[in-house]
Amino acid sequence: MDYIPRDTTLDAHRKQMEILKKLSPEKRALISFELSDNVRQIAMDGIRKQHPEFTETQVRRELLRRIVGDELYQKIVAAKGLK
């Protein structure tokens, strides 16, 4: 069965799927990229709210840490010689 969001009625979800299926692959990709950018911005806004003292570089690094996890983040920091 397809995923159905909890905040959407079944009829609304079906209509969304119908509309999306009519779009070209390029348009669906563009929508995906826009959604990804929006989620990233929301996450960064949350980090800024939690850590108003952070610089933009620190906000971006914290986002990276949250995305890749502590272990991989530490490897990246070490490999890049970052602090």
PDB file of N, CA and C in Angstrom:
ATOM      1  N   MET A   1       0.836  -1.185   0.000  1.00  0.00           N
ATOM      2  CA  MET A   1       0.000   0.000   0.000  1.00  0.00           C
ATOM      3  C   MET A   1       0.883   1.252   0.000  1.00  0.00           C
ATOM      4  N   ASP A   2       0.436   2.271  -0.672  1.00  0.00           N
ATOM      5  CA  ASP A   2       1.165   3.528  -0.722  1.00  0.00           C
ATOM      6  C   ASP A   2       1.153   4.217   0.631  1.00  0.00           C
ATOM      7  N   TYR A   3       2.170   5.036   0.840  1.00  0.00           N
ATOM      8  CA  TYR A   3       2.243   5.848   2.051  1.00  0.00           C
ATOM      9  C   TYR A   3       1.153   6.906   1.996  1.00  0.00           C
ATOM     10  N   ILE A   4       0.433   7.076   3.087  1.00  0.00           N
ATOM     11  CA  ILE A   4      -0.589   8.111   3.176  1.00  0.00           C
ATOM     12  C   ILE A   4      -0.247   8.986   4.380  1.00  0.00           C
ATOM     13  N   PRO A   5       0.031  10.267   4.148  1.00  0.00           N
ATOM     14  CA  PRO A   5       0.365  11.157   5.260  1.00  0.00           C
ATOM     15  C   PRO A   5      -0.770  11.231   6.281  1.00  0.00           C
ATOM     16  N   ARG A   6      -0.427  11.371   7.525  1.00  0.00           N
ATOM     17  CA  ARG A   6      -1.428  11.445   8.589  1.00  0.00           C
ATOM     18  C   ARG A   6      -2.211  12.750   8.568  1.00  0.00           C
ATOM     19  N   ASP A   7      -1.620  13.787   7.972  1.00  0.00           N
ATOM     20  CA  ASP A   7      -2.283  15.090   7.988  1.00  0.00           C
ATOM     21  C   ASP A   7      -3.070  15.373   6.709  1.00  0.00           C
ATOM     22  N   THR A   8      -3.312  14.336   5.909  1.00  0.00           N
ATOM     23  CA  THR A   8      -4.010  14.481   4.636  1.00  0.00           C
ATOM     24  C   THR A   8      -5.111  13.437   4.537  1.00  0.00           C
ATOM     25  N   THR A   9      -6.279  13.858   4.079  1.00  0.00           N
ATOM     26  CA  THR A   9      -7.352  12.880   3.895  1.00  0.00           C
ATOM     27  C   THR A   9      -6.992  11.955   2.742  1.00  0.00           C
ATOM     28  N   LEU A  10      -7.610  10.797   2.718  1.00  0.00           N
ATOM     29  CA  LEU A  10      -7.353   9.838   1.658  1.00  0.00           C
ATOM     30  C   LEU A  10      -7.708  10.432   0.295  1.00  0.00           C
ATOM     31  N   ASP A  11      -8.828  11.134   0.203  1.00  0.00           N
ATOM     32  CA  ASP A  11      -9.220  11.755  -1.068  1.00  0.00           C
ATOM     33  C   ASP A  11      -8.205  12.804  -1.513  1.00  0.00           C
ATOM     34  N   ALA A  12      -7.736  13.619  -0.581  1.00  0.00           N
ATOM     35  CA  ALA A  12      -6.742  14.649  -0.922  1.00  0.00           C
ATOM     36  C   ALA A  12      -5.438  13.999  -1.371  1.00  0.00           C
ATOM     37  N   HIS A  13      -5.043  12.937  -0.685  1.00  0.00           N
ATOM     38  CA  HIS A  13      -3.815  12.229  -1.056  1.00  0.00           C
ATOM     39  C   HIS A  13      -3.938  11.638  -2.463  1.00  0.00           C
ATOM     40  N   ARG A  14      -5.055  11.039  -2.754  1.00  0.00           N
ATOM     41  CA  ARG A  14      -5.263  10.468  -4.090  1.00  0.00           C
ATOM     42  C   ARG A  14      -5.187  11.548  -5.164  1.00  0.00           C
ATOM     43  N   LYS A  15      -5.779  12.700  -4.880  1.00  0.00           N
ATOM     44  CA  LYS A  15      -5.743  13.810  -5.835  1.00  0.00           C
ATOM     45  C   LYS A  15      -4.307  14.299  -6.031  1.00  0.00           C
ATOM     46  N   GLN A  16      -3.555  14.414  -4.947  1.00  0.00           N
ATOM     47  CA  GLN A  16      -2.150  14.815  -5.054  1.00  0.00           C
ATOM     48  C   GLN A  16      -1.379  13.841  -5.935  1.00  0.00           C
ATOM     49  N   MET A  17      -1.587  12.549  -5.713  1.00  0.00           N
ATOM     50  CA  MET A  17      -0.882  11.531  -6.496  1.00  0.00           C
ATOM     51  C   MET A  17      -1.276  11.610  -7.968  1.00  0.00           C
ATOM     52  N   GLU A  18      -2.536  11.847  -8.223  1.00  0.00           N
ATOM     53  CA  GLU A  18      -3.023  11.990  -9.603  1.00  0.00           C
ATOM     54  C   GLU A  18      -2.329  13.158 -10.298  1.00  0.00           C
ATOM     55  N   ILE A  19      -2.230  14.272  -9.606  1.00  0.00           N
ATOM     56  CA  ILE A  19      -1.572  15.463 -10.171  1.00  0.00           C
ATOM     57  C   ILE A  19      -0.086  15.202 -10.392  1.00  0.00           C
ATOM     58  N   LEU A  20       0.577  14.624  -9.399  1.00  0.00           N
ATOM     59  CA  LEU A  20       2.014  14.363  -9.511  1.00  0.00           C
ATOM     60  C   LEU A  20       2.340  13.409 -10.655  1.00  0.00           C
ATOM     61  N   LYS A  21       1.502  12.404 -10.857  1.00  0.00           N
ATOM     62  CA  LYS A  21       1.749  11.433 -11.923  1.00  0.00           C
ATOM     63  C   LYS A  21       1.660  12.058 -13.308  1.00  0.00           C
ATOM     64  N   LYS A  22       0.950  13.173 -13.427  1.00  0.00           N
ATOM     65  CA  LYS A  22       0.810  13.855 -14.715  1.00  0.00           C
ATOM     66  C   LYS A  22       2.003  14.761 -15.024  1.00  0.00           C
ATOM     67  N   LEU A  23       2.808  15.053 -14.012  1.00  0.00           N
ATOM     68  CA  LEU A  23       3.961  15.934 -14.208  1.00  0.00           C
ATOM     69  C   LEU A  23       5.098  15.197 -14.899  1.00  0.00           C
ATOM     70  N   SER A  24       5.913  15.955 -15.591  1.00  0.00           N
ATOM     71  CA  SER A  24       7.101  15.370 -16.214  1.00  0.00           C
ATOM     72  C   SER A  24       8.097  14.985 -15.124  1.00  0.00           C
ATOM     73  N   PRO A  25       9.001  14.063 -15.426  1.00  0.00           N
ATOM     74  CA  PRO A  25      10.043  13.716 -14.454  1.00  0.00           C
ATOM     75  C   PRO A  25      10.856  14.944 -14.025  1.00  0.00           C
ATOM     76  N   GLU A  26      11.102  15.839 -14.963  1.00  0.00           N
ATOM     77  CA  GLU A  26      11.874  17.047 -14.645  1.00  0.00           C
ATOM     78  C   GLU A  26      11.139  17.917 -13.622  1.00  0.00           C
ATOM     79  N   LYS A  27       9.826  18.081 -13.813  1.00  0.00           N
ATOM     80  CA  LYS A  27       9.040  18.897 -12.892  1.00  0.00           C
ATOM     81  C   LYS A  27       8.963  18.241 -11.520  1.00  0.00           C
ATOM     82  N   ARG A  28       8.810  16.912 -11.482  1.00  0.00           N
ATOM     83  CA  ARG A  28       8.792  16.210 -10.186  1.00  0.00           C
ATOM     84  C   ARG A  28      10.135  16.358  -9.476  1.00  0.00           C
ATOM     85  N   ALA A  29      11.217  16.291 -10.244  1.00  0.00           N
ATOM     86  CA  ALA A  29      12.550  16.473  -9.651  1.00  0.00           C
ATOM     87  C   ALA A  29      12.684  17.876  -9.086  1.00  0.00           C
ATOM     88  N   LEU A  30      12.229  18.875  -9.829  1.00  0.00           N
ATOM     89  CA  LEU A  30      12.301  20.260  -9.357  1.00  0.00           C
ATOM     90  C   LEU A  30      11.531  20.435  -8.057  1.00  0.00           C
ATOM     91  N   ILE A  31      10.337  19.852  -7.979  1.00  0.00           N
ATOM     92  CA  ILE A  31       9.551  19.925  -6.746  1.00  0.00           C
ATOM     93  C   ILE A  31      10.309  19.262  -5.597  1.00  0.00           C
ATOM     94  N   SER A  32      10.938  18.120  -5.855  1.00  0.00           N
ATOM     95  CA  SER A  32      11.713  17.428  -4.825  1.00  0.00           C
ATOM     96  C   SER A  32      12.863  18.292  -4.324  1.00  0.00           C
ATOM     97  N   PHE A  33      13.566  18.946  -5.251  1.00  0.00           N
ATOM     98  CA  PHE A  33      14.675  19.813  -4.859  1.00  0.00           C
ATOM     99  C   PHE A  33      14.184  20.995  -4.024  1.00  0.00           C
ATOM    100  N   GLU A  34      13.059  21.564  -4.421  1.00  0.00           N
ATOM    101  CA  GLU A  34      12.499  22.687  -3.666  1.00  0.00           C
ATOM    102  C   GLU A  34      12.090  22.260  -2.263  1.00  0.00           C
ATOM    103  N   LEU A  35      11.464  21.083  -2.147  1.00  0.00           N
ATOM    104  CA  LEU A  35      11.078  20.572  -0.835  1.00  0.00           C
ATOM    105  C   LEU A  35      12.305  20.319   0.034  1.00  0.00           C
ATOM    106  N   SER A  36      13.344  19.764  -0.566  1.00  0.00           N
ATOM    107  CA  SER A  36      14.584  19.511   0.163  1.00  0.00           C
ATOM    108  C   SER A  36      15.188  20.815   0.671  1.00  0.00           C
ATOM    109  N   ASP A  37      15.206  21.825  -0.180  1.00  0.00           N
ATOM    110  CA  ASP A  37      15.715  23.137   0.234  1.00  0.00           C
ATOM    111  C   ASP A  37      14.889  23.709   1.380  1.00  0.00           C
ATOM    112  N   ASN A  38      13.563  23.543   1.301  1.00  0.00           N
ATOM    113  CA  ASN A  38      12.685  24.055   2.362  1.00  0.00           C
ATOM    114  C   ASN A  38      12.953  23.353   3.685  1.00  0.00           C
ATOM    115  N   VAL A  39      13.095  22.033   3.648  1.00  0.00           N
ATOM    116  CA  VAL A  39      13.363  21.278   4.875  1.00  0.00           C
ATOM    117  C   VAL A  39      14.708  21.691   5.470  1.00  0.00           C
ATOM    118  N   ARG A  40      15.724  21.856   4.611  1.00  0.00           N
ATOM    119  CA  ARG A  40      17.040  22.280   5.078  1.00  0.00           C
ATOM    120  C   ARG A  40      16.944  23.658   5.752  1.00  0.00           C
ATOM    121  N   GLN A  41      16.197  24.569   5.149  1.00  0.00           N
ATOM    122  CA  GLN A  41      16.052  25.911   5.724  1.00  0.00           C
ATOM    123  C   GLN A  41      15.339  25.862   7.067  1.00  0.00           C
ATOM    124  N   ILE A  42      14.299  25.040   7.167  1.00  0.00           N
ATOM    125  CA  ILE A  42      13.586  24.894   8.435  1.00  0.00           C
ATOM    126  C   ILE A  42      14.521  24.341   9.509  1.00  0.00           C
ATOM    127  N   ALA A  43      15.324  23.349   9.145  1.00  0.00           N
ATOM    128  CA  ALA A  43      16.276  22.770  10.101  1.00  0.00           C
ATOM    129  C   ALA A  43      17.293  23.815  10.548  1.00  0.00           C
ATOM    130  N   MET A  44      17.796  24.604   9.618  1.00  0.00           N
ATOM    131  CA  MET A  44      18.774  25.637   9.964  1.00  0.00           C
ATOM    132  C   MET A  44      18.139  26.708  10.850  1.00  0.00           C
ATOM    133  N   ASP A  45      16.893  27.055  10.574  1.00  0.00           N
ATOM    134  CA  ASP A  45      16.190  28.026  11.425  1.00  0.00           C
ATOM    135  C   ASP A  45      16.050  27.486  12.842  1.00  0.00           C
ATOM    136  N   GLY A  46      15.769  26.182  12.954  1.00  0.00           N
ATOM    137  CA  GLY A  46      15.674  25.559  14.277  1.00  0.00           C
ATOM    138  C   GLY A  46      17.003  25.589  15.018  1.00  0.00           C
ATOM    139  N   ILE A  47      18.092  25.343  14.304  1.00  0.00           N
ATOM    140  CA  ILE A  47      19.418  25.396  14.924  1.00  0.00           C
ATOM    141  C   ILE A  47      19.711  26.818  15.392  1.00  0.00           C
ATOM    142  N   ARG A  48      19.386  27.805  14.565  1.00  0.00           N
ATOM    143  CA  ARG A  48      19.600  29.210  14.958  1.00  0.00           C
ATOM    144  C   ARG A  48      18.806  29.560  16.209  1.00  0.00           C
ATOM    145  N   LYS A  49      17.575  29.035  16.301  1.00  0.00           N
ATOM    146  CA  LYS A  49      16.743  29.314  17.469  1.00  0.00           C
ATOM    147  C   LYS A  49      17.327  28.658  18.718  1.00  0.00           C
ATOM    148  N   GLN A  50      17.825  27.425  18.568  1.00  0.00           N
ATOM    149  CA  GLN A  50      18.414  26.713  19.701  1.00  0.00           C
ATOM    150  C   GLN A  50      19.763  27.311  20.100  1.00  0.00           C
ATOM    151  N   HIS A  51      20.488  27.849  19.129  1.00  0.00           N
ATOM    152  CA  HIS A  51      21.839  28.359  19.358  1.00  0.00           C
ATOM    153  C   HIS A  51      21.997  29.741  18.721  1.00  0.00           C
ATOM    154  N   PRO A  52      21.382  30.763  19.305  1.00  0.00           N
ATOM    155  CA  PRO A  52      21.466  32.096  18.703  1.00  0.00           C
ATOM    156  C   PRO A  52      22.898  32.642  18.653  1.00  0.00           C
ATOM    157  N   GLU A  53      23.784  32.055  19.415  1.00  0.00           N
ATOM    158  CA  GLU A  53      25.178  32.498  19.428  1.00  0.00           C
ATOM    159  C   GLU A  53      25.990  31.936  18.264  1.00  0.00           C
ATOM    160  N   PHE A  54      25.449  30.958  17.535  1.00  0.00           N
ATOM    161  CA  PHE A  54      26.179  30.334  16.433  1.00  0.00           C
ATOM    162  C   PHE A  54      26.357  31.280  15.256  1.00  0.00           C
ATOM    163  N   THR A  55      27.528  31.190  14.644  1.00  0.00           N
ATOM    164  CA  THR A  55      27.757  31.875  13.371  1.00  0.00           C
ATOM    165  C   THR A  55      27.093  31.038  12.273  1.00  0.00           C
ATOM    166  N   GLU A  56      27.019  31.589  11.066  1.00  0.00           N
ATOM    167  CA  GLU A  56      26.437  30.820   9.962  1.00  0.00           C
ATOM    168  C   GLU A  56      27.250  29.554   9.681  1.00  0.00           C
ATOM    169  N   THR A  57      28.554  29.640   9.817  1.00  0.00           N
ATOM    170  CA  THR A  57      29.395  28.457   9.622  1.00  0.00           C
ATOM    171  C   THR A  57      29.049  27.393  10.658  1.00  0.00           C
ATOM    172  N   GLN A  58      28.865  27.797  11.898  1.00  0.00           N
ATOM    173  CA  GLN A  58      28.513  26.848  12.951  1.00  0.00           C
ATOM    174  C   GLN A  58      27.128  26.235  12.705  1.00  0.00           C
ATOM    175  N   VAL A  59      26.202  27.042  12.210  1.00  0.00           N
ATOM    176  CA  VAL A  59      24.866  26.531  11.905  1.00  0.00           C
ATOM    177  C   VAL A  59      24.962  25.458  10.820  1.00  0.00           C
ATOM    178  N   ARG A  60      25.734  25.731   9.773  1.00  0.00           N
ATOM    179  CA  ARG A  60      25.881  24.765   8.677  1.00  0.00           C
ATOM    180  C   ARG A  60      26.570  23.486   9.152  1.00  0.00           C
ATOM    181  N   ARG A  61      27.576  23.648  10.004  1.00  0.00           N
ATOM    182  CA  ARG A  61      28.270  22.467  10.522  1.00  0.00           C
ATOM    183  C   ARG A  61      27.362  21.633  11.411  1.00  0.00           C
ATOM    184  N   GLU A  62      26.537  22.303  12.209  1.00  0.00           N
ATOM    185  CA  GLU A  62      25.602  21.573  13.069  1.00  0.00           C
ATOM    186  C   GLU A  62      24.562  20.840  12.225  1.00  0.00           C
ATOM    187  N   LEU A  63      24.112  21.453  11.153  1.00  0.00           N
ATOM    188  CA  LEU A  63      23.185  20.774  10.252  1.00  0.00           C
ATOM    189  C   LEU A  63      23.843  19.529   9.663  1.00  0.00           C
ATOM    190  N   LEU A  64      25.076  19.667   9.221  1.00  0.00           N
ATOM    191  CA  LEU A  64      25.808  18.521   8.674  1.00  0.00           C
ATOM    192  C   LEU A  64      25.927  17.415   9.714  1.00  0.00           C
ATOM    193  N   ARG A  65      26.271  17.786  10.950  1.00  0.00           N
ATOM    194  CA  ARG A  65      26.398  16.790  12.022  1.00  0.00           C
ATOM    195  C   ARG A  65      25.089  16.048  12.231  1.00  0.00           C
ATOM    196  N   ARG A  66      23.987  16.772  12.205  1.00  0.00           N
ATOM    197  CA  ARG A  66      22.681  16.147  12.410  1.00  0.00           C
ATOM    198  C   ARG A  66      22.306  15.237  11.245  1.00  0.00           C
ATOM    199  N   ILE A  67      22.722  15.592  10.058  1.00  0.00           N
ATOM    200  CA  ILE A  67      22.386  14.785   8.883  1.00  0.00           C
ATOM    201  C   ILE A  67      23.217  13.511   8.828  1.00  0.00           C
ATOM    202  N   VAL A  68      24.530  13.636   9.037  1.00  0.00           N
ATOM    203  CA  VAL A  68      25.413  12.475   8.850  1.00  0.00           C
ATOM    204  C   VAL A  68      25.696  11.704  10.131  1.00  0.00           C
ATOM    205  N   GLY A  69      25.372  12.274  11.281  1.00  0.00           N
ATOM    206  CA  GLY A  69      25.631  11.616  12.556  1.00  0.00           C
ATOM    207  C   GLY A  69      26.996  11.988  13.113  1.00  0.00           C
ATOM    208  N   ASP A  70      27.148  11.770  14.411  1.00  0.00           N
ATOM    209  CA  ASP A  70      28.372  12.190  15.104  1.00  0.00           C
ATOM    210  C   ASP A  70      29.634  11.513  14.583  1.00  0.00           C
ATOM    211  N   GLU A  71      29.559  10.203  14.367  1.00  0.00           N
ATOM    212  CA  GLU A  71      30.761   9.463  13.970  1.00  0.00           C
ATOM    213  C   GLU A  71      31.305   9.946  12.627  1.00  0.00           C
ATOM    214  N   LEU A  72      30.462  10.017  11.626  1.00  0.00           N
ATOM    215  CA  LEU A  72      30.915  10.476  10.315  1.00  0.00           C
ATOM    216  C   LEU A  72      31.301  11.950  10.356  1.00  0.00           C
ATOM    217  N   TYR A  73      30.563  12.739  11.120  1.00  0.00           N
ATOM    218  CA  TYR A  73      30.899  14.160  11.246  1.00  0.00           C
ATOM    219  C   TYR A  73      32.317  14.332  11.787  1.00  0.00           C
ATOM    220  N   GLN A  74      32.656  13.572  12.808  1.00  0.00           N
ATOM    221  CA  GLN A  74      34.002  13.675  13.390  1.00  0.00           C
ATOM    222  C   GLN A  74      35.064  13.285  12.381  1.00  0.00           C
ATOM    223  N   LYS A  75      34.783  12.302  11.546  1.00  0.00           N
ATOM    224  CA  LYS A  75      35.733  11.907  10.500  1.00  0.00           C
ATOM    225  C   LYS A  75      35.895  13.030   9.476  1.00  0.00           C
ATOM    226  N   ILE A  76      34.814  13.669   9.118  1.00  0.00           N
ATOM    227  CA  ILE A  76      34.883  14.786   8.161  1.00  0.00           C
ATOM    228  C   ILE A  76      35.689  15.927   8.747  1.00  0.00           C
ATOM    229  N   VAL A  77      35.396  16.268   9.991  1.00  0.00           N
ATOM    230  CA  VAL A  77      36.128  17.354  10.666  1.00  0.00           C
ATOM    231  C   VAL A  77      37.605  17.050  10.714  1.00  0.00           C
ATOM    232  N   ALA A  78      37.949  15.828  11.069  1.00  0.00           N
ATOM    233  CA  ALA A  78      39.353  15.433  11.153  1.00  0.00           C
ATOM    234  C   ALA A  78      40.016  15.472   9.763  1.00  0.00           C
ATOM    235  N   ALA A  79      39.326  14.967   8.756  1.00  0.00           N
ATOM    236  CA  ALA A  79      39.890  14.917   7.412  1.00  0.00           C
ATOM    237  C   ALA A  79      40.100  16.319   6.832  1.00  0.00           C
ATOM    238  N   LYS A  80      39.209  17.239   7.187  1.00  0.00           N
ATOM    239  CA  LYS A  80      39.303  18.609   6.678  1.00  0.00           C
ATOM    240  C   LYS A  80      40.149  19.503   7.577  1.00  0.00           C
ATOM    241  N   GLY A  81      40.541  18.996   8.728  1.00  0.00           N
ATOM    242  CA  GLY A  81      41.326  19.793   9.655  1.00  0.00           C
ATOM    243  C   GLY A  81      40.527  20.935  10.268  1.00  0.00           C
ATOM    244  N   LEU A  82      39.222  20.732  10.459  1.00  0.00           N
ATOM    245  CA  LEU A  82      38.338  21.753  11.028  1.00  0.00           C
ATOM    246  C   LEU A  82      38.298  21.636  12.534  1.00  0.00           C
ATOM    247  N   LYS A  83      37.849  22.681  13.143  1.00  0.00           N
ATOM    248  CA  LYS A  83      37.701  22.676  14.598  1.00  0.00           C
ATOM    249  C   LYS A  83      36.253  22.791  14.980  1.00  0.00           C
TER     250      LYS A  83
END
